[in-house]
Amino acid sequence: MDRRGDGPSGGGGLPITLLLMIVHSRFGWAGVIVVVLAYLGFQFFGGVAQRAAELEGGAGSAPDDEQAAFVGFVLDDIQDSWSRALPDYRRAKLVLFTGSTRTACGYGDAATGPFYCPGDQQVYIDLSFYQALRDRLGAGGDFAQAYVIAHEIGHHIQTLDGTSRRVEQAAAGDQRGAEGLSVRLELQADCYAGVWAHDAGARGLLEIGDVDEALTAAAAIGDDRLQRQAKGVVTPESFTHGTSAQRVRWFRRGYDSGDPRHCDTFSAATLDG
């Protein structure tokens, strides 16, 4: 669903998705970007008059719609991968928004970054996050963007298998802290993102440097790094997502194993290991 304007659905069912998958299998992420740019150019210069009017009327600029097409393609690939691994997998939907939006989990704000709402089983993304990820946090690249989406789908898996509900029920009070349930939930989602990356690599979809981009992104959004940048001091008792090192470690664990059974952060004696 595209809430940036009155444009078409952004839920991954883009008309060019199949073409993008074929191009990616042969030419990698760079090929996908070239095709998306060509596709948008065709639309803008007379291919589809209605879509051109929508672009001019408010759905977003051409770069934003290039980004939306890429996000839709990546989301489809991630969910196709999990559908093969998990027979009972049900697909999440994607909602693109600008600034803030209503969700089944309350009001969502772009300041929080991309997020998943278990109440409606949708992933919410304000595309401006990726610019902030690149410019303010130093984590650019196509696969850094893909990692973020894969992490949110990790939360969708936790909703489907009941993990999120069990964590909510088990939490008698504050879930935060360096070894808290919130951190374990987030690190498991990082691990699931790594499992998808492993599968993408096995299918020949990764390029040199892609995994490094994901690891850089994981490190950039660790609690310790974000707190140090914002306040100059780190307070582990308030952690919700894990340290940079932990996020890298658990993504790497999923990537190296390719097995979601290796992502049991809740049984781990230590999250640093």
Protein backbone atom coordinates (compact mmCIF):
# COMPACT_ATOMS: atom_id res chain seq x y z
CA MET A 1 0.00 0.00 0.00
CA ASP A 2 1.37 3.40 -0.98
CA ARG A 3 0.29 6.09 1.48
CA ARG A 4 2.69 8.69 0.12
CA GLY A 5 -0.14 9.84 -2.14
CA ASP A 6 -2.90 8.29 -4.17
CA GLY A 7 -0.57 6.01 -6.08
CA PRO A 8 -0.92 2.26 -6.59
CA SER A 9 -0.29 -0.42 -4.02
CA GLY A 10 3.26 -0.74 -2.72
CA GLY A 11 2.77 -4.23 -1.34
CA GLY A 12 5.31 -5.98 -3.50
CA GLY A 13 2.98 -6.78 -6.40
CA LEU A 14 4.68 -4.40 -8.81
CA PRO A 15 4.19 -5.20 -12.51
CA ILE A 16 7.92 -5.32 -13.15
CA THR A 17 8.75 -7.65 -10.25
CA LEU A 18 9.21 -10.75 -12.38
CA LEU A 19 11.46 -8.87 -14.79
CA LEU A 20 13.50 -7.53 -11.89
CA MET A 21 13.97 -11.02 -10.49
CA ILE A 22 15.21 -12.33 -13.84
CA VAL A 23 17.57 -9.39 -14.31
CA HIS A 24 18.88 -9.72 -10.75
CA SER A 25 19.63 -13.40 -11.24
CA ARG A 26 21.92 -12.53 -14.14
CA PHE A 27 23.25 -9.05 -13.44
CA GLY A 28 22.84 -8.48 -9.69
CA TRP A 29 21.60 -5.37 -7.89
CA ALA A 30 23.17 -3.02 -10.45
CA GLY A 31 21.07 -4.59 -13.19
CA VAL A 32 17.93 -4.10 -11.12
CA ILE A 33 18.63 -0.39 -10.71
CA VAL A 34 19.25 0.03 -14.46
CA VAL A 35 15.96 -1.67 -15.33
CA VAL A 36 14.02 0.35 -12.77
CA LEU A 37 15.46 3.60 -14.13
CA ALA A 38 14.59 2.59 -17.69
CA TYR A 39 11.10 1.59 -16.62
CA LEU A 40 10.48 4.88 -14.84
CA GLY A 41 11.85 6.81 -17.82
CA PHE A 42 9.46 5.01 -20.14
CA GLN A 43 6.55 5.85 -17.86
CA PHE A 44 7.52 9.48 -17.50
CA PHE A 45 8.02 10.12 -21.21
CA GLY A 46 4.72 8.67 -22.34
CA GLY A 47 4.57 4.97 -21.53
CA VAL A 48 1.73 5.24 -19.02
CA ALA A 49 0.02 8.63 -18.85
CA GLN A 50 -2.01 7.84 -15.75
CA ARG A 51 1.03 6.78 -13.74
CA ALA A 52 2.91 9.89 -14.87
CA ALA A 53 0.07 12.00 -13.55
CA GLU A 54 0.22 10.16 -10.23
CA LEU A 55 3.94 10.80 -9.95
CA GLU A 56 3.40 14.49 -10.61
CA GLY A 57 0.42 14.59 -8.27
CA GLY A 58 2.02 13.39 -5.08
CA ALA A 59 2.99 9.72 -4.79
CA GLY A 60 6.65 10.68 -4.88
CA SER A 61 9.55 11.84 -7.03
CA ALA A 62 11.13 9.58 -9.63
CA PRO A 63 14.03 8.68 -7.27
CA ASP A 64 11.52 7.79 -4.57
CA ASP A 65 9.62 5.56 -6.96
CA GLU A 66 12.84 3.91 -8.06
CA GLN A 67 13.43 3.20 -4.37
CA ALA A 68 9.86 1.93 -3.94
CA ALA A 69 10.29 -0.47 -6.84
CA PHE A 70 13.53 -1.76 -5.34
CA VAL A 71 11.94 -2.22 -1.91
CA GLY A 72 9.02 -4.11 -3.45
CA PHE A 73 11.38 -6.38 -5.36
CA VAL A 74 13.48 -7.15 -2.28
CA LEU A 75 10.40 -7.80 -0.16
CA ASP A 76 9.09 -10.27 -2.72
CA ASP A 77 12.39 -12.13 -2.80
CA ILE A 78 12.60 -12.32 1.00
CA GLN A 79 9.06 -13.63 1.29
CA ASP A 80 9.52 -16.10 -1.56
CA SER A 81 12.55 -17.43 0.31
CA TRP A 82 10.66 -17.86 3.58
CA SER A 83 7.70 -19.43 1.77
CA ARG A 84 10.04 -22.17 0.58
CA ALA A 85 11.53 -22.64 4.05
CA LEU A 86 8.30 -22.44 6.07
CA PRO A 87 5.27 -24.21 4.53
CA ASP A 88 2.80 -22.24 6.67
CA TYR A 89 4.33 -18.85 5.91
CA ARG A 90 1.81 -16.07 5.23
CA ARG A 91 3.03 -13.02 3.41
CA ALA A 92 3.27 -9.64 5.11
CA LYS A 93 2.23 -6.48 3.31
CA LEU A 94 4.27 -3.36 2.70
CA VAL A 95 3.08 0.16 3.48
CA LEU A 96 5.07 3.14 2.20
CA PHE A 97 4.37 6.39 4.01
CA THR A 98 5.78 9.85 4.55
CA GLY A 99 6.11 11.43 7.97
CA SER A 100 3.52 9.51 9.97
CA THR A 101 0.71 7.04 9.44
CA ARG A 102 -1.97 5.09 11.28
CA THR A 103 -1.36 1.42 12.03
CA ALA A 104 -3.08 -1.31 14.02
CA CYS A 105 -0.33 -0.75 16.60
CA GLY A 106 -1.02 2.96 16.97
CA TYR A 107 0.42 5.95 15.18
CA GLY A 108 3.66 5.25 13.34
CA ASP A 109 6.28 7.96 12.88
CA ALA A 110 9.17 8.12 10.43
CA ALA A 111 11.50 9.09 13.28
CA THR A 112 11.37 5.52 14.57
CA GLY A 113 12.65 4.11 11.28
CA PRO A 114 11.08 1.15 9.46
CA PHE A 115 8.90 -1.01 11.69
CA TYR A 116 6.64 -4.04 11.68
CA CYS A 117 3.17 -4.03 13.24
CA PRO A 118 1.99 -7.48 14.39
CA GLY A 119 -1.57 -6.19 14.68
CA ASP A 120 -1.99 -5.84 10.93
CA GLN A 121 1.06 -7.88 9.83
CA GLN A 122 2.43 -5.03 7.74
CA VAL A 123 5.91 -3.55 7.30
CA TYR A 124 5.96 0.26 7.35
CA ILE A 125 8.74 2.23 5.66
CA ASP A 126 9.31 5.93 5.09
CA LEU A 127 11.86 5.87 2.28
CA SER A 128 13.69 8.88 3.74
CA PHE A 129 15.13 6.46 6.32
CA TYR A 130 17.51 5.07 3.73
CA GLN A 131 19.00 8.49 3.09
CA ALA A 132 19.52 8.93 6.83
CA LEU A 133 21.05 5.45 7.02
CA ARG A 134 23.52 6.44 4.33
CA ASP A 135 24.24 10.06 5.20
CA ARG A 136 24.03 10.14 9.01
CA LEU A 137 24.96 6.58 9.92
CA GLY A 138 27.38 5.78 7.10
CA ALA A 139 25.59 2.63 5.98
CA GLY A 140 24.78 2.99 2.30
CA GLY A 141 24.35 0.45 -0.46
CA ASP A 142 21.53 -1.62 -1.87
CA PHE A 143 22.11 -4.58 0.41
CA ALA A 144 22.10 -2.40 3.52
CA GLN A 145 18.57 -1.46 2.49
CA ALA A 146 17.71 -5.11 1.86
CA TYR A 147 18.97 -6.07 5.34
CA VAL A 148 16.57 -3.61 6.98
CA ILE A 149 13.60 -5.13 5.14
CA ALA A 150 14.75 -8.66 5.95
CA HIS A 151 14.99 -7.71 9.64
CA GLU A 152 11.38 -6.50 9.66
CA ILE A 153 10.22 -9.70 7.98
CA GLY A 154 12.06 -11.47 10.79
CA HIS A 155 9.57 -9.85 13.14
CA HIS A 156 6.75 -11.10 10.92
CA ILE A 157 8.05 -14.65 11.34
CA GLN A 158 8.12 -14.12 15.11
CA THR A 159 4.46 -13.12 14.93
CA LEU A 160 3.52 -16.13 12.82
CA ASP A 161 5.28 -18.66 15.06
CA GLY A 162 4.05 -17.09 18.30
CA THR A 163 7.43 -15.88 19.56
CA SER A 164 6.33 -12.25 19.83
CA ARG A 165 3.23 -13.22 21.79
CA ARG A 166 5.20 -15.43 24.18
CA VAL A 167 7.69 -12.64 24.80
CA GLU A 168 4.88 -10.21 25.53
CA GLN A 169 3.25 -12.64 27.94
CA ALA A 170 6.52 -13.50 29.67
CA ALA A 171 7.49 -9.91 30.28
CA ALA A 172 6.30 -9.06 33.76
CA GLY A 173 7.78 -5.60 33.49
CA ASP A 174 10.44 -3.78 31.54
CA GLN A 175 11.79 -5.86 28.65
CA ARG A 176 14.79 -3.60 28.10
CA GLY A 177 18.39 -4.24 29.11
CA ALA A 178 21.50 -5.76 27.59
CA GLU A 179 20.18 -9.31 28.01
CA GLY A 180 16.48 -8.43 28.03
CA LEU A 181 13.69 -10.01 26.04
CA SER A 182 13.44 -7.04 23.69
CA VAL A 183 17.10 -7.36 22.72
CA ARG A 184 16.74 -11.11 22.21
CA LEU A 185 13.71 -10.55 19.98
CA GLU A 186 15.57 -8.01 17.85
CA LEU A 187 18.72 -10.10 17.55
CA GLN A 188 16.68 -13.08 16.44
CA ALA A 189 15.20 -10.90 13.68
CA ASP A 190 18.77 -9.97 12.68
CA CYS A 191 19.64 -13.66 12.54
CA TYR A 192 16.61 -14.35 10.35
CA ALA A 193 17.79 -11.59 8.02
CA GLY A 194 21.09 -13.44 7.79
CA VAL A 195 19.30 -16.69 6.95
CA TRP A 196 17.64 -14.99 4.00
CA ALA A 197 20.98 -13.51 2.89
CA HIS A 198 22.44 -17.03 2.95
CA ASP A 199 19.64 -18.24 0.70
CA ALA A 200 20.10 -15.29 -1.65
CA GLY A 201 23.79 -16.10 -1.86
CA ALA A 202 23.09 -19.77 -2.56
CA ARG A 203 20.94 -18.65 -5.49
CA GLY A 204 23.76 -16.53 -6.85
CA LEU A 205 22.09 -13.21 -6.12
CA LEU A 206 24.80 -11.61 -3.99
CA GLU A 207 27.62 -9.50 -5.28
CA ILE A 208 31.02 -8.88 -3.72
CA GLY A 209 30.55 -6.47 -0.85
CA ASP A 210 26.84 -7.10 -0.29
CA VAL A 211 27.28 -8.90 3.02
CA ASP A 212 29.69 -6.21 4.20
CA GLU A 213 26.99 -3.60 3.48
CA ALA A 214 24.54 -5.53 5.65
CA LEU A 215 27.08 -5.89 8.46
CA THR A 216 27.87 -2.18 8.31
CA ALA A 217 24.16 -1.36 8.56
CA ALA A 218 23.71 -3.75 11.49
CA ALA A 219 26.62 -2.14 13.31
CA ALA A 220 25.38 1.37 12.53
CA ILE A 221 22.07 0.85 14.34
CA GLY A 222 23.36 -0.86 17.47
CA ASP A 223 22.04 0.61 20.71
CA ASP A 224 25.49 1.48 21.99
CA ARG A 225 26.50 3.36 18.87
CA LEU A 226 23.22 5.26 18.60
CA GLN A 227 23.31 6.23 22.27
CA ARG A 228 26.91 7.36 22.05
CA GLN A 229 26.13 9.50 19.01
CA ALA A 230 23.01 11.00 20.58
CA LYS A 231 24.07 11.47 24.21
CA GLY A 232 27.77 10.74 24.41
CA VAL A 233 27.15 7.99 26.96
CA VAL A 234 25.99 4.37 26.78
CA THR A 235 23.35 3.01 29.17
CA PRO A 236 23.04 -0.78 28.71
CA GLU A 237 20.02 -1.01 31.01
CA SER A 238 18.00 0.88 28.38
CA PHE A 239 19.03 -1.28 25.41
CA THR A 240 16.19 -2.52 23.20
CA HIS A 241 17.92 -3.81 20.05
CA GLY A 242 21.40 -4.94 21.07
CA THR A 243 24.89 -3.58 20.63
CA SER A 244 26.57 -3.13 17.28
CA ALA A 245 28.71 -6.20 17.93
CA GLN A 246 25.69 -8.30 18.88
CA ARG A 247 23.72 -7.28 15.82
CA VAL A 248 26.65 -8.13 13.56
CA ARG A 249 27.20 -11.42 15.36
CA TRP A 250 23.62 -12.64 15.05
CA PHE A 251 23.23 -11.57 11.43
CA ARG A 252 26.48 -13.42 10.72
CA ARG A 253 25.21 -16.48 12.60
CA GLY A 254 22.15 -16.65 10.37
CA TYR A 255 24.18 -16.00 7.24
CA ASP A 256 26.84 -18.59 8.03
CA SER A 257 24.36 -21.33 8.97
CA GLY A 258 21.45 -20.60 6.66
CA ASP A 259 19.31 -22.32 9.29
CA PRO A 260 16.67 -20.49 11.36
CA ARG A 261 17.12 -23.10 14.10
CA HIS A 262 20.47 -21.44 14.83
CA CYS A 263 18.65 -18.20 15.67
CA ASP A 264 17.39 -19.16 19.13
CA THR A 265 18.54 -16.10 21.02
CA PHE A 266 16.22 -16.95 23.90
CA SER A 267 18.17 -20.08 24.83
CA ALA A 268 21.57 -18.45 24.43
CA ALA A 269 23.44 -18.16 27.72
CA THR A 270 25.09 -15.01 26.41
CA LEU A 271 24.26 -12.84 23.43
CA ASP A 272 27.88 -11.87 22.86
CA GLY A 273 29.42 -15.33 22.46
